[in-house]
Amino acid sequence: MNEVVFGVKDDKQLLYTSEKCIGCGTCVMACPKGSLVLGSVGAVARGLIDKDFLENQTELCIVCGICAKTCPTGALELEQAGESVNDNSYISVALKDTTVNDNCVHCGLCEQICPQGCIEVKQWLANDGTASVDGETKIDTECCIHCGWCEAVCPAEAISVEKPFEGTWFRDENTCTACRTCVDTCPCNALFNPDWEKGERVDKIAQRADACIYCGACDMACPVEAITVTKTAIIPEVDKKALLEKKLLNAEMKRPTLTSTLVIDEDACLGCGNCVIVCPVNATDDNVGAGYLNEVDAKKVLEVRNGVAKVVNQDLCGSDGACAMICPVSAIVLETREE
């Protein structure tokens, strides 16, 4: 994994490992100096823009390490004199490792269901003359985000998981446009579009509470701010927990910064309007009649003018990338915003 030096002060340095980052914004909530910038979470999660979830304004950072203490995945690490100082006062360290005991039957369900691909199961026929299977189940604790899927599906109750947070998850049904940005961003596969039968009314997006770690990544990614995640408890026995609780519990998530720009290749654009129609911010207009959503002019973010898609207001973009995903000729892309 690649580590980036996020800040240096005296003999201390703050390191960031982007592969471990889930774009949850917990560190941004905790930072006392506002030096951390989380932006374009949905687009980054969907692989539509080549950047990391997190950036640091080093001129503001005092390398205090509060961000590293609150990070649930260990994506941030504090070193002093070249040695890690992450100890039991850091949530990622205090979290108990996900473990598997001798009850495991090596069926492989945990490997199939793990949203991060952290589990490897090997199987072989038993050597004792019985029609049974032996095997080995390995859990990569560096990769594990403690979602609890493996524990939930294990038929032998062989797996134990400790989660980082308790919390609440709320989605405003009237604001949600069912764009699936939250579904694609969630590191735990805890959000989904429910199936429905004819004549049945269901929520646009539903939560699997047992798989949620209340990290807040979905909150950060939602382009129309329809989701609210609130942390209500820190579960692991962290040293000096009161300090972290003061920073995180029952606090409003800080909104991400727009760090991407919509760019349209007008020569390639067909003027089909798909990008305008699919834009979740455009769909939050007061007029949402069946015909209105298919109109492609007089919109907030994108519209079609003279047969070509145009960006109306970059600053209102939710950076979810739905427009880029639906464009049939790849005429619209997201690029990193110039500072």
C-alpha atoms as a PDB file:
ATOM      1  CA  MET A   1       0.000   0.000   0.000  1.00  0.00           C
ATOM      2  CA  ASN A   2       1.175   3.502  -0.815  1.00  0.00           C
ATOM      3  CA  GLU A   3       1.554   5.968   2.029  1.00  0.00           C
ATOM      4  CA  VAL A   4       1.425   9.719   1.485  1.00  0.00           C
ATOM      5  CA  VAL A   5       2.927  12.161   3.960  1.00  0.00           C
ATOM      6  CA  PHE A   6       0.031  14.417   4.921  1.00  0.00           C
ATOM      7  CA  GLY A   7       1.860  16.662   7.375  1.00  0.00           C
ATOM      8  CA  VAL A   8       5.171  17.127   9.163  1.00  0.00           C
ATOM      9  CA  LYS A   9       5.989  18.973  12.372  1.00  0.00           C
ATOM     10  CA  ASP A  10       9.269  18.561  14.247  1.00  0.00           C
ATOM     11  CA  ASP A  11       9.866  14.794  14.418  1.00  0.00           C
ATOM     12  CA  LYS A  12       6.206  13.890  13.844  1.00  0.00           C
ATOM     13  CA  GLN A  13       4.524  13.087  10.555  1.00  0.00           C
ATOM     14  CA  LEU A  14       0.986  12.179   9.526  1.00  0.00           C
ATOM     15  CA  LEU A  15       0.661   9.401   6.940  1.00  0.00           C
ATOM     16  CA  TYR A  16      -2.325   8.631   4.706  1.00  0.00           C
ATOM     17  CA  THR A  17      -2.981   5.270   3.037  1.00  0.00           C
ATOM     18  CA  SER A  18      -5.606   5.847   0.357  1.00  0.00           C
ATOM     19  CA  GLU A  19      -6.327   2.133  -0.118  1.00  0.00           C
ATOM     20  CA  LYS A  20      -7.679   1.976   3.433  1.00  0.00           C
ATOM     21  CA  CYS A  21      -9.755   5.149   3.170  1.00  0.00           C
ATOM     22  CA  ILE A  22     -13.528   4.701   2.700  1.00  0.00           C
ATOM     23  CA  GLY A  23     -14.422   8.368   2.277  1.00  0.00           C
ATOM     24  CA  CYS A  24     -16.456   8.517   5.471  1.00  0.00           C
ATOM     25  CA  GLY A  25     -15.409  11.983   6.632  1.00  0.00           C
ATOM     26  CA  THR A  26     -14.999  10.990  10.290  1.00  0.00           C
ATOM     27  CA  CYS A  27     -11.536  12.549  10.357  1.00  0.00           C
ATOM     28  CA  VAL A  28     -12.899  15.777   8.856  1.00  0.00           C
ATOM     29  CA  MET A  29     -15.434  16.002  11.690  1.00  0.00           C
ATOM     30  CA  ALA A  30     -12.688  15.614  14.278  1.00  0.00           C
ATOM     31  CA  CYS A  31     -10.007  17.919  12.817  1.00  0.00           C
ATOM     32  CA  PRO A  32      -9.701  21.007  15.071  1.00  0.00           C
ATOM     33  CA  LYS A  33      -8.064  23.116  12.356  1.00  0.00           C
ATOM     34  CA  GLY A  34     -10.234  22.238   9.368  1.00  0.00           C
ATOM     35  CA  SER A  35      -7.204  21.185   7.357  1.00  0.00           C
ATOM     36  CA  LEU A  36      -8.649  18.012   5.866  1.00  0.00           C
ATOM     37  CA  VAL A  37     -10.620  18.175   2.622  1.00  0.00           C
ATOM     38  CA  LEU A  38     -12.994  15.394   1.633  1.00  0.00           C
ATOM     39  CA  GLY A  39     -14.548  15.824  -1.779  1.00  0.00           C
ATOM     40  CA  SER A  40     -16.260  14.186  -4.749  1.00  0.00           C
ATOM     41  CA  VAL A  41     -16.842  11.027  -2.702  1.00  0.00           C
ATOM     42  CA  GLY A  42     -19.370   9.465  -5.067  1.00  0.00           C
ATOM     43  CA  ALA A  43     -17.291  10.057  -8.174  1.00  0.00           C
ATOM     44  CA  VAL A  44     -14.143   8.675  -6.523  1.00  0.00           C
ATOM     45  CA  ALA A  45     -15.978   5.593  -5.226  1.00  0.00           C
ATOM     46  CA  ARG A  46     -17.352   4.944  -8.696  1.00  0.00           C
ATOM     47  CA  GLY A  47     -13.899   5.273 -10.260  1.00  0.00           C
ATOM     48  CA  LEU A  48     -14.963   8.233 -12.396  1.00  0.00           C
ATOM     49  CA  ILE A  49     -12.221  10.568 -11.240  1.00  0.00           C
ATOM     50  CA  ASP A  50      -8.583   9.749 -10.563  1.00  0.00           C
ATOM     51  CA  LYS A  51      -8.008  11.158  -7.089  1.00  0.00           C
ATOM     52  CA  ASP A  52      -8.046  10.111  -3.448  1.00  0.00           C
ATOM     53  CA  PHE A  53     -11.005  10.701  -1.169  1.00  0.00           C
ATOM     54  CA  LEU A  54      -8.948  12.857   1.176  1.00  0.00           C
ATOM     55  CA  GLU A  55      -6.552  15.780   0.862  1.00  0.00           C
ATOM     56  CA  ASN A  56      -4.753  17.828   3.523  1.00  0.00           C
ATOM     57  CA  GLN A  57      -4.021  21.537   3.591  1.00  0.00           C
ATOM     58  CA  THR A  58      -0.602  21.208   5.164  1.00  0.00           C
ATOM     59  CA  GLU A  59      -0.346  24.906   5.965  1.00  0.00           C
ATOM     60  CA  LEU A  60      -3.233  24.463   8.426  1.00  0.00           C
ATOM     61  CA  CYS A  61      -2.328  21.028   9.831  1.00  0.00           C
ATOM     62  CA  ILE A  62      -0.626  20.960  13.240  1.00  0.00           C
ATOM     63  CA  VAL A  63      -0.073  17.160  13.126  1.00  0.00           C
ATOM     64  CA  CYS A  64      -2.042  16.662  16.347  1.00  0.00           C
ATOM     65  CA  GLY A  65      -3.225  13.215  15.265  1.00  0.00           C
ATOM     66  CA  ILE A  66      -6.899  13.582  16.221  1.00  0.00           C
ATOM     67  CA  CYS A  67      -7.839  12.563  12.684  1.00  0.00           C
ATOM     68  CA  ALA A  68      -5.825   9.351  13.007  1.00  0.00           C
ATOM     69  CA  LYS A  69      -7.393   8.612  16.397  1.00  0.00           C
ATOM     70  CA  THR A  70     -10.918   8.751  14.974  1.00  0.00           C
ATOM     71  CA  CYS A  71     -10.290   6.982  11.639  1.00  0.00           C
ATOM     72  CA  PRO A  72     -12.113   3.615  11.815  1.00  0.00           C
ATOM     73  CA  THR A  73      -9.971   1.899   9.168  1.00  0.00           C
ATOM     74  CA  GLY A  74      -6.431   2.982  10.029  1.00  0.00           C
ATOM     75  CA  ALA A  75      -6.069   5.018   6.823  1.00  0.00           C
ATOM     76  CA  LEU A  76      -4.338   7.735   8.863  1.00  0.00           C
ATOM     77  CA  GLU A  77      -1.298   7.016  11.012  1.00  0.00           C
ATOM     78  CA  LEU A  78       0.860   9.210  13.194  1.00  0.00           C
ATOM     79  CA  GLU A  79       4.590   8.586  13.421  1.00  0.00           C
ATOM     80  CA  GLN A  80       7.171  10.107  15.725  1.00  0.00           C
ATOM     81  CA  ALA A  81      10.871   9.712  15.027  1.00  0.00           C
ATOM     82  CA  GLY A  82       9.943   7.194  12.325  1.00  0.00           C
ATOM     83  CA  GLU A  83       7.932   4.944  14.665  1.00  0.00           C
ATOM     84  CA  SER A  84       4.150   4.565  14.723  1.00  0.00           C
ATOM     85  CA  VAL A  85       2.514   6.032  17.809  1.00  0.00           C
ATOM     86  CA  ASN A  86      -0.921   4.612  17.038  1.00  0.00           C
ATOM     87  CA  ASP A  87      -1.922   2.899  20.283  1.00  0.00           C
ATOM     88  CA  ASN A  88      -5.114   2.011  22.140  1.00  0.00           C
ATOM     89  CA  SER A  89      -6.231   5.638  22.028  1.00  0.00           C
ATOM     90  CA  TYR A  90      -6.839   5.120  18.284  1.00  0.00           C
ATOM     91  CA  ILE A  91     -10.164   3.563  17.262  1.00  0.00           C
ATOM     92  CA  SER A  92      -8.608   1.414  14.526  1.00  0.00           C
ATOM     93  CA  VAL A  93      -6.146  -0.066  17.043  1.00  0.00           C
ATOM     94  CA  ALA A  94      -8.653  -0.506  19.870  1.00  0.00           C
ATOM     95  CA  LEU A  95     -11.062  -2.373  17.576  1.00  0.00           C
ATOM     96  CA  LYS A  96     -10.880  -6.102  18.230  1.00  0.00           C
ATOM     97  CA  ASP A  97      -9.722  -8.092  15.223  1.00  0.00           C
ATOM     98  CA  THR A  98     -12.374 -10.086  13.380  1.00  0.00           C
ATOM     99  CA  THR A  99     -11.668 -13.703  14.332  1.00  0.00           C
ATOM    100  CA  VAL A 100     -12.774 -17.177  13.323  1.00  0.00           C
ATOM    101  CA  ASN A 101     -12.789 -20.067  15.805  1.00  0.00           C
ATOM    102  CA  ASP A 102     -12.625 -23.858  15.574  1.00  0.00           C
ATOM    103  CA  ASN A 103     -16.374 -24.153  14.934  1.00  0.00           C
ATOM    104  CA  CYS A 104     -15.726 -23.016  11.350  1.00  0.00           C
ATOM    105  CA  VAL A 105     -16.860 -25.568   8.736  1.00  0.00           C
ATOM    106  CA  HIS A 106     -15.054 -23.728   5.890  1.00  0.00           C
ATOM    107  CA  CYS A 107     -18.240 -23.479   3.839  1.00  0.00           C
ATOM    108  CA  GLY A 108     -17.053 -20.318   2.146  1.00  0.00           C
ATOM    109  CA  LEU A 109     -20.163 -18.173   2.745  1.00  0.00           C
ATOM    110  CA  CYS A 110     -18.108 -15.508   4.513  1.00  0.00           C
ATOM    111  CA  GLU A 111     -15.676 -15.321   1.602  1.00  0.00           C
ATOM    112  CA  GLN A 112     -18.536 -14.915  -0.877  1.00  0.00           C
ATOM    113  CA  ILE A 113     -20.317 -12.189   1.096  1.00  0.00           C
ATOM    114  CA  CYS A 114     -17.398 -10.035   2.316  1.00  0.00           C
ATOM    115  CA  PRO A 115     -17.819  -6.652   0.564  1.00  0.00           C
ATOM    116  CA  GLN A 116     -14.098  -5.895   0.775  1.00  0.00           C
ATOM    117  CA  GLY A 117     -12.795  -9.310  -0.295  1.00  0.00           C
ATOM    118  CA  CYS A 118     -10.898  -9.761   2.982  1.00  0.00           C
ATOM    119  CA  ILE A 119     -11.589 -13.467   3.522  1.00  0.00           C
ATOM    120  CA  GLU A 120      -9.963 -16.476   1.881  1.00  0.00           C
ATOM    121  CA  VAL A 121     -11.318 -19.982   2.413  1.00  0.00           C
ATOM    122  CA  LYS A 122      -9.432 -23.095   1.342  1.00  0.00           C
ATOM    123  CA  GLN A 123     -11.157 -26.475   1.302  1.00  0.00           C
ATOM    124  CA  TRP A 124      -9.985 -30.045   0.907  1.00  0.00           C
ATOM    125  CA  LEU A 125     -11.462 -33.493   1.462  1.00  0.00           C
ATOM    126  CA  ALA A 126     -10.870 -34.898   4.928  1.00  0.00           C
ATOM    127  CA  ASN A 127      -8.076 -37.439   5.283  1.00  0.00           C
ATOM    128  CA  ASP A 128      -9.746 -39.527   7.992  1.00  0.00           C
ATOM    129  CA  GLY A 129     -11.887 -41.703   5.740  1.00  0.00           C
ATOM    130  CA  THR A 130     -15.097 -39.754   6.365  1.00  0.00           C
ATOM    131  CA  ALA A 131     -17.156 -37.932   3.769  1.00  0.00           C
ATOM    132  CA  SER A 132     -16.311 -34.540   5.206  1.00  0.00           C
ATOM    133  CA  VAL A 133     -14.378 -31.418   4.357  1.00  0.00           C
ATOM    134  CA  ASP A 134     -11.431 -29.851   6.134  1.00  0.00           C
ATOM    135  CA  GLY A 135     -10.093 -26.439   5.343  1.00  0.00           C
ATOM    136  CA  GLU A 136      -8.663 -23.103   6.398  1.00  0.00           C
ATOM    137  CA  THR A 137     -10.333 -19.711   6.739  1.00  0.00           C
ATOM    138  CA  LYS A 138      -8.108 -16.640   6.756  1.00  0.00           C
ATOM    139  CA  ILE A 139      -9.281 -13.099   7.507  1.00  0.00           C
ATOM    140  CA  ASP A 140      -7.104 -10.184   6.406  1.00  0.00           C
ATOM    141  CA  THR A 141      -7.484  -7.919   9.438  1.00  0.00           C
ATOM    142  CA  GLU A 142      -5.718  -5.043   7.659  1.00  0.00           C
ATOM    143  CA  CYS A 143      -8.446  -5.073   5.004  1.00  0.00           C
ATOM    144  CA  CYS A 144     -11.449  -5.760   7.276  1.00  0.00           C
ATOM    145  CA  ILE A 145     -13.795  -2.820   7.946  1.00  0.00           C
ATOM    146  CA  HIS A 146     -15.830  -4.658  10.639  1.00  0.00           C
ATOM    147  CA  CYS A 147     -19.155  -4.582   8.792  1.00  0.00           C
ATOM    148  CA  GLY A 148     -20.281  -7.893  10.305  1.00  0.00           C
ATOM    149  CA  TRP A 149     -21.501  -9.608   7.136  1.00  0.00           C
ATOM    150  CA  CYS A 150     -19.307 -12.652   7.797  1.00  0.00           C
ATOM    151  CA  GLU A 151     -20.601 -13.032  11.343  1.00  0.00           C
ATOM    152  CA  ALA A 152     -24.197 -12.630  10.198  1.00  0.00           C
ATOM    153  CA  VAL A 153     -24.106 -15.351   7.522  1.00  0.00           C
ATOM    154  CA  CYS A 154     -21.865 -17.873   9.308  1.00  0.00           C
ATOM    155  CA  PRO A 155     -23.934 -21.062   9.868  1.00  0.00           C
ATOM    156  CA  ALA A 156     -21.593 -22.265  12.633  1.00  0.00           C
ATOM    157  CA  GLU A 157     -21.425 -18.996  14.617  1.00  0.00           C
ATOM    158  CA  ALA A 158     -17.654 -19.208  14.247  1.00  0.00           C
ATOM    159  CA  ILE A 159     -16.883 -15.551  13.487  1.00  0.00           C
ATOM    160  CA  SER A 160     -16.741 -12.624  15.912  1.00  0.00           C
ATOM    161  CA  VAL A 161     -16.820  -8.977  14.790  1.00  0.00           C
ATOM    162  CA  GLU A 162     -16.627  -5.744  16.768  1.00  0.00           C
ATOM    163  CA  LYS A 163     -17.963  -2.644  15.036  1.00  0.00           C
ATOM    164  CA  PRO A 164     -16.475   0.842  15.416  1.00  0.00           C
ATOM    165  CA  PHE A 165     -19.666   2.834  15.948  1.00  0.00           C
ATOM    166  CA  GLU A 166     -23.328   2.700  16.834  1.00  0.00           C
ATOM    167  CA  GLY A 167     -25.512   5.274  15.167  1.00  0.00           C
ATOM    168  CA  THR A 168     -28.632   6.297  13.315  1.00  0.00           C
ATOM    169  CA  TRP A 169     -29.294   6.411   9.580  1.00  0.00           C
ATOM    170  CA  PHE A 170     -31.992   8.584   8.053  1.00  0.00           C
ATOM    171  CA  ARG A 171     -32.953   9.217   4.456  1.00  0.00           C
ATOM    172  CA  ASP A 172     -35.406  11.886   3.379  1.00  0.00           C
ATOM    173  CA  GLU A 173     -37.768  10.047   1.048  1.00  0.00           C
ATOM    174  CA  ASN A 174     -38.947  13.296  -0.536  1.00  0.00           C
ATOM    175  CA  THR A 175     -35.425  14.509  -1.346  1.00  0.00           C
ATOM    176  CA  CYS A 176     -33.891  11.187  -2.426  1.00  0.00           C
ATOM    177  CA  THR A 177     -33.769  10.701  -6.201  1.00  0.00           C
ATOM    178  CA  ALA A 178     -32.713   7.026  -6.057  1.00  0.00           C
ATOM    179  CA  CYS A 179     -29.511   7.808  -7.978  1.00  0.00           C
ATOM    180  CA  ARG A 180     -27.691   4.921  -6.215  1.00  0.00           C
ATOM    181  CA  THR A 181     -24.618   6.998  -5.388  1.00  0.00           C
ATOM    182  CA  CYS A 182     -24.928   5.898  -1.757  1.00  0.00           C
ATOM    183  CA  VAL A 183     -25.331   2.254  -2.789  1.00  0.00           C
ATOM    184  CA  ASP A 184     -22.166   2.367  -4.893  1.00  0.00           C
ATOM    185  CA  THR A 185     -20.221   4.256  -2.196  1.00  0.00           C
ATOM    186  CA  CYS A 186     -21.130   2.223   0.894  1.00  0.00           C
ATOM    187  CA  PRO A 187     -18.063   0.130   1.830  1.00  0.00           C
ATOM    188  CA  CYS A 188     -20.249  -2.358   3.702  1.00  0.00           C
ATOM    189  CA  ASN A 189     -22.887  -3.150   1.079  1.00  0.00           C
ATOM    190  CA  ALA A 190     -25.384  -1.950   3.676  1.00  0.00           C
ATOM    191  CA  LEU A 191     -27.602   0.025   1.275  1.00  0.00           C
ATOM    192  CA  PHE A 192     -29.726  -1.290  -1.575  1.00  0.00           C
ATOM    193  CA  ASN A 193     -32.704  -0.659  -3.842  1.00  0.00           C
ATOM    194  CA  PRO A 194     -35.514  -2.958  -2.624  1.00  0.00           C
ATOM    195  CA  ASP A 195     -37.366  -5.174  -5.082  1.00  0.00           C
ATOM    196  CA  TRP A 196     -41.088  -4.651  -5.350  1.00  0.00           C
ATOM    197  CA  GLU A 197     -44.215  -6.298  -6.696  1.00  0.00           C
ATOM    198  CA  LYS A 198     -46.850  -4.681  -8.860  1.00  0.00           C
ATOM    199  CA  GLY A 199     -48.839  -2.127  -6.894  1.00  0.00           C
ATOM    200  CA  GLU A 200     -46.475  -2.250  -3.914  1.00  0.00           C
ATOM    201  CA  ARG A 201     -44.891   0.911  -2.492  1.00  0.00           C
ATOM    202  CA  VAL A 202     -41.352   0.557  -1.154  1.00  0.00           C
ATOM    203  CA  ASP A 203     -38.570   2.888  -0.057  1.00  0.00           C
ATOM    204  CA  LYS A 204     -36.285   4.120  -2.823  1.00  0.00           C
ATOM    205  CA  ILE A 205     -33.208   3.160  -0.809  1.00  0.00           C
ATOM    206  CA  ALA A 206     -33.156   0.815   2.166  1.00  0.00           C
ATOM    207  CA  GLN A 207     -30.549   0.123   4.858  1.00  0.00           C
ATOM    208  CA  ARG A 208     -29.255  -3.187   6.147  1.00  0.00           C
ATOM    209  CA  ALA A 209     -28.734  -2.007   9.712  1.00  0.00           C
ATOM    210  CA  ASP A 210     -26.849  -5.158  10.750  1.00  0.00           C
ATOM    211  CA  ALA A 211     -24.178  -4.472   8.109  1.00  0.00           C
ATOM    212  CA  CYS A 212     -23.865  -0.703   8.679  1.00  0.00           C
ATOM    213  CA  ILE A 213     -20.910   0.726  10.625  1.00  0.00           C
ATOM    214  CA  TYR A 214     -22.354   4.277  10.610  1.00  0.00           C
ATOM    215  CA  CYS A 215     -19.199   5.614   9.044  1.00  0.00           C
ATOM    216  CA  GLY A 216     -21.035   8.308   7.086  1.00  0.00           C
ATOM    217  CA  ALA A 217     -19.662   7.632   3.597  1.00  0.00           C
ATOM    218  CA  CYS A 218     -23.185   7.550   2.147  1.00  0.00           C
ATOM    219  CA  ASP A 219     -23.964  10.880   3.821  1.00  0.00           C
ATOM    220  CA  MET A 220     -20.834  12.375   2.258  1.00  0.00           C
ATOM    221  CA  ALA A 221     -21.606  10.960  -1.196  1.00  0.00           C
ATOM    222  CA  CYS A 222     -25.294  11.870  -1.507  1.00  0.00           C
ATOM    223  CA  PRO A 223     -25.492  14.625  -4.152  1.00  0.00           C
ATOM    224  CA  VAL A 224     -28.786  16.009  -2.810  1.00  0.00           C
ATOM    225  CA  GLU A 225     -28.038  15.724   0.944  1.00  0.00           C
ATOM    226  CA  ALA A 226     -30.915  13.301   1.486  1.00  0.00           C
ATOM    227  CA  ILE A 227     -28.998  11.081   3.938  1.00  0.00           C
ATOM    228  CA  THR A 228     -28.074  11.894   7.515  1.00  0.00           C
ATOM    229  CA  VAL A 229     -25.772   9.623   9.515  1.00  0.00           C
ATOM    230  CA  THR A 230     -25.232  10.302  13.209  1.00  0.00           C
ATOM    231  CA  LYS A 231     -22.760   8.472  15.419  1.00  0.00           C
ATOM    232  CA  THR A 232     -24.248   7.773  18.864  1.00  0.00           C
ATOM    233  CA  ALA A 233     -21.555   5.596  20.451  1.00  0.00           C
ATOM    234  CA  ILE A 234     -17.955   4.479  20.017  1.00  0.00           C
ATOM    235  CA  ILE A 235     -18.011   0.735  20.605  1.00  0.00           C
ATOM    236  CA  PRO A 236     -14.369  -0.296  21.205  1.00  0.00           C
ATOM    237  CA  GLU A 237     -12.769   0.435  24.569  1.00  0.00           C
ATOM    238  CA  VAL A 238     -10.599   3.303  23.415  1.00  0.00           C
ATOM    239  CA  ASP A 239      -8.266   5.072  25.837  1.00  0.00           C
ATOM    240  CA  LYS A 240      -9.382   8.658  26.532  1.00  0.00           C
ATOM    241  CA  LYS A 241     -12.699   7.853  24.868  1.00  0.00           C
ATOM    242  CA  ALA A 242     -14.347  11.007  26.243  1.00  0.00           C
ATOM    243  CA  LEU A 243     -12.204  13.179  23.964  1.00  0.00           C
ATOM    244  CA  LEU A 244     -13.248  11.285  20.851  1.00  0.00           C
ATOM    245  CA  GLU A 245     -16.880  11.163  21.948  1.00  0.00           C
ATOM    246  CA  LYS A 246     -16.894  14.934  22.283  1.00  0.00           C
ATOM    247  CA  LYS A 247     -15.711  15.228  18.690  1.00  0.00           C
ATOM    248  CA  LEU A 248     -17.913  12.617  17.048  1.00  0.00           C
ATOM    249  CA  LEU A 249     -21.079  11.733  18.925  1.00  0.00           C
ATOM    250  CA  ASN A 250     -24.388  13.319  17.958  1.00  0.00           C
ATOM    251  CA  ALA A 251     -22.481  15.754  15.753  1.00  0.00           C
ATOM    252  CA  GLU A 252     -23.494  16.829  12.274  1.00  0.00           C
ATOM    253  CA  MET A 253     -21.309  15.507   9.490  1.00  0.00           C
ATOM    254  CA  LYS A 254     -19.396  18.282   7.727  1.00  0.00           C
ATOM    255  CA  ARG A 255     -20.377  18.595   4.084  1.00  0.00           C
ATOM    256  CA  PRO A 256     -17.710  17.559   1.561  1.00  0.00           C
ATOM    257  CA  THR A 257     -15.929  20.047  -0.664  1.00  0.00           C
ATOM    258  CA  LEU A 258     -16.555  19.959  -4.408  1.00  0.00           C
ATOM    259  CA  THR A 259     -13.199  18.864  -5.800  1.00  0.00           C
ATOM    260  CA  SER A 260     -14.288  17.937  -9.319  1.00  0.00           C
ATOM    261  CA  THR A 261     -15.369  19.789 -12.447  1.00  0.00           C
ATOM    262  CA  LEU A 262     -17.789  18.726 -15.171  1.00  0.00           C
ATOM    263  CA  VAL A 263     -16.163  18.932 -18.603  1.00  0.00           C
ATOM    264  CA  ILE A 264     -18.154  18.500 -21.808  1.00  0.00           C
ATOM    265  CA  ASP A 265     -16.684  17.680 -25.222  1.00  0.00           C
ATOM    266  CA  GLU A 266     -19.124  19.672 -27.327  1.00  0.00           C
ATOM    267  CA  ASP A 267     -17.867  18.139 -30.570  1.00  0.00           C
ATOM    268  CA  ALA A 268     -18.682  14.636 -29.304  1.00  0.00           C
ATOM    269  CA  CYS A 269     -21.940  15.549 -27.559  1.00  0.00           C
ATOM    270  CA  LEU A 270     -25.099  14.287 -29.294  1.00  0.00           C
ATOM    271  CA  GLY A 271     -27.437  16.593 -27.412  1.00  0.00           C
ATOM    272  CA  CYS A 272     -29.501  13.585 -26.355  1.00  0.00           C
ATOM    273  CA  GLY A 273     -30.133  15.034 -22.904  1.00  0.00           C
ATOM    274  CA  ASN A 274     -29.561  11.809 -20.995  1.00  0.00           C
ATOM    275  CA  CYS A 275     -27.122  13.577 -18.681  1.00  0.00           C
ATOM    276  CA  VAL A 276     -29.657  16.311 -17.936  1.00  0.00           C
ATOM    277  CA  ILE A 277     -32.438  13.853 -17.152  1.00  0.00           C
ATOM    278  CA  VAL A 278     -30.342  11.559 -14.933  1.00  0.00           C
ATOM    279  CA  CYS A 279     -28.728  14.364 -12.881  1.00  0.00           C
ATOM    280  CA  PRO A 280     -30.048  13.920  -9.316  1.00  0.00           C
ATOM    281  CA  VAL A 281     -29.650  17.625  -8.518  1.00  0.00           C
ATOM    282  CA  ASN A 282     -31.719  18.577 -11.557  1.00  0.00           C
ATOM    283  CA  ALA A 283     -34.396  16.169 -10.321  1.00  0.00           C
ATOM    284  CA  THR A 284     -34.823  18.107  -7.060  1.00  0.00           C
ATOM    285  CA  ASP A 285     -36.665  20.951  -8.806  1.00  0.00           C
ATOM    286  CA  ASP A 286     -40.111  21.708  -7.417  1.00  0.00           C
ATOM    287  CA  ASN A 287     -41.748  20.685 -10.676  1.00  0.00           C
ATOM    288  CA  VAL A 288     -41.457  16.908 -10.880  1.00  0.00           C
ATOM    289  CA  GLY A 289     -44.382  15.967 -13.091  1.00  0.00           C
ATOM    290  CA  ALA A 290     -43.923  13.000 -15.376  1.00  0.00           C
ATOM    291  CA  GLY A 291     -43.171  15.165 -18.392  1.00  0.00           C
ATOM    292  CA  TYR A 292     -41.027  17.762 -16.642  1.00  0.00           C
ATOM    293  CA  LEU A 293     -38.094  15.490 -15.876  1.00  0.00           C
ATOM    294  CA  ASN A 294     -37.722  14.759 -19.586  1.00  0.00           C
ATOM    295  CA  GLU A 295     -37.402  18.428 -20.482  1.00  0.00           C
ATOM    296  CA  VAL A 296     -33.772  19.302 -21.073  1.00  0.00           C
ATOM    297  CA  ASP A 297     -33.640  23.059 -20.657  1.00  0.00           C
ATOM    298  CA  ALA A 298     -33.959  25.501 -17.719  1.00  0.00           C
ATOM    299  CA  LYS A 299     -32.207  23.149 -15.270  1.00  0.00           C
ATOM    300  CA  LYS A 300     -29.942  23.731 -12.261  1.00  0.00           C
ATOM    301  CA  VAL A 301     -26.732  21.923 -13.191  1.00  0.00           C
ATOM    302  CA  LEU A 302     -26.915  20.643 -16.765  1.00  0.00           C
ATOM    303  CA  GLU A 303     -29.159  21.496 -19.690  1.00  0.00           C
ATOM    304  CA  VAL A 304     -29.195  21.211 -23.463  1.00  0.00           C
ATOM    305  CA  ARG A 305     -28.791  24.431 -25.440  1.00  0.00           C
ATOM    306  CA  ASN A 306     -28.823  24.498 -29.236  1.00  0.00           C
ATOM    307  CA  GLY A 307     -28.390  20.744 -29.402  1.00  0.00           C
ATOM    308  CA  VAL A 308     -25.389  20.561 -27.034  1.00  0.00           C
ATOM    309  CA  ALA A 309     -25.200  19.832 -23.294  1.00  0.00           C
ATOM    310  CA  LYS A 310     -24.002  22.774 -21.211  1.00  0.00           C
ATOM    311  CA  VAL A 311     -22.964  23.153 -17.573  1.00  0.00           C
ATOM    312  CA  VAL A 312     -25.248  25.724 -15.962  1.00  0.00           C
ATOM    313  CA  ASN A 313     -23.706  25.859 -12.489  1.00  0.00           C
ATOM    314  CA  GLN A 314     -20.595  23.876 -11.513  1.00  0.00           C
ATOM    315  CA  ASP A 315     -20.981  24.740  -7.844  1.00  0.00           C
ATOM    316  CA  LEU A 316     -24.326  22.937  -7.555  1.00  0.00           C
ATOM    317  CA  CYS A 317     -22.904  19.663  -8.907  1.00  0.00           C
ATOM    318  CA  GLY A 318     -23.171  16.806  -6.420  1.00  0.00           C
ATOM    319  CA  SER A 319     -20.163  15.073  -8.001  1.00  0.00           C
ATOM    320  CA  ASP A 320     -21.968  11.744  -8.187  1.00  0.00           C
ATOM    321  CA  GLY A 321     -21.009  11.132 -11.819  1.00  0.00           C
ATOM    322  CA  ALA A 322     -24.409   9.885 -12.986  1.00  0.00           C
ATOM    323  CA  CYS A 323     -24.096  12.081 -16.079  1.00  0.00           C
ATOM    324  CA  ALA A 324     -20.750  10.582 -17.044  1.00  0.00           C
ATOM    325  CA  MET A 325     -22.036   7.060 -16.461  1.00  0.00           C
ATOM    326  CA  ILE A 326     -25.049   7.450 -18.749  1.00  0.00           C
ATOM    327  CA  CYS A 327     -23.452   9.401 -21.619  1.00  0.00           C
ATOM    328  CA  PRO A 328     -23.467   7.075 -24.675  1.00  0.00           C
ATOM    329  CA  VAL A 329     -20.424   8.724 -26.272  1.00  0.00           C
ATOM    330  CA  SER A 330     -18.373   9.636 -23.175  1.00  0.00           C
ATOM    331  CA  ALA A 331     -18.757  13.325 -23.990  1.00  0.00           C
ATOM    332  CA  ILE A 332     -19.028  14.361 -20.329  1.00  0.00           C
ATOM    333  CA  VAL A 333     -16.404  13.567 -17.720  1.00  0.00           C
ATOM    334  CA  LEU A 334     -15.350  14.695 -14.261  1.00  0.00           C
ATOM    335  CA  GLU A 335     -11.903  16.124 -13.767  1.00  0.00           C
ATOM    336  CA  THR A 336     -10.060  17.213 -10.643  1.00  0.00           C
ATOM    337  CA  ARG A 337     -10.890  20.826  -9.897  1.00  0.00           C
ATOM    338  CA  GLU A 338      -7.955  23.194 -10.115  1.00  0.00           C
ATOM    339  CA  GLU A 339      -7.199  24.946  -6.825  1.00  0.00           C
END
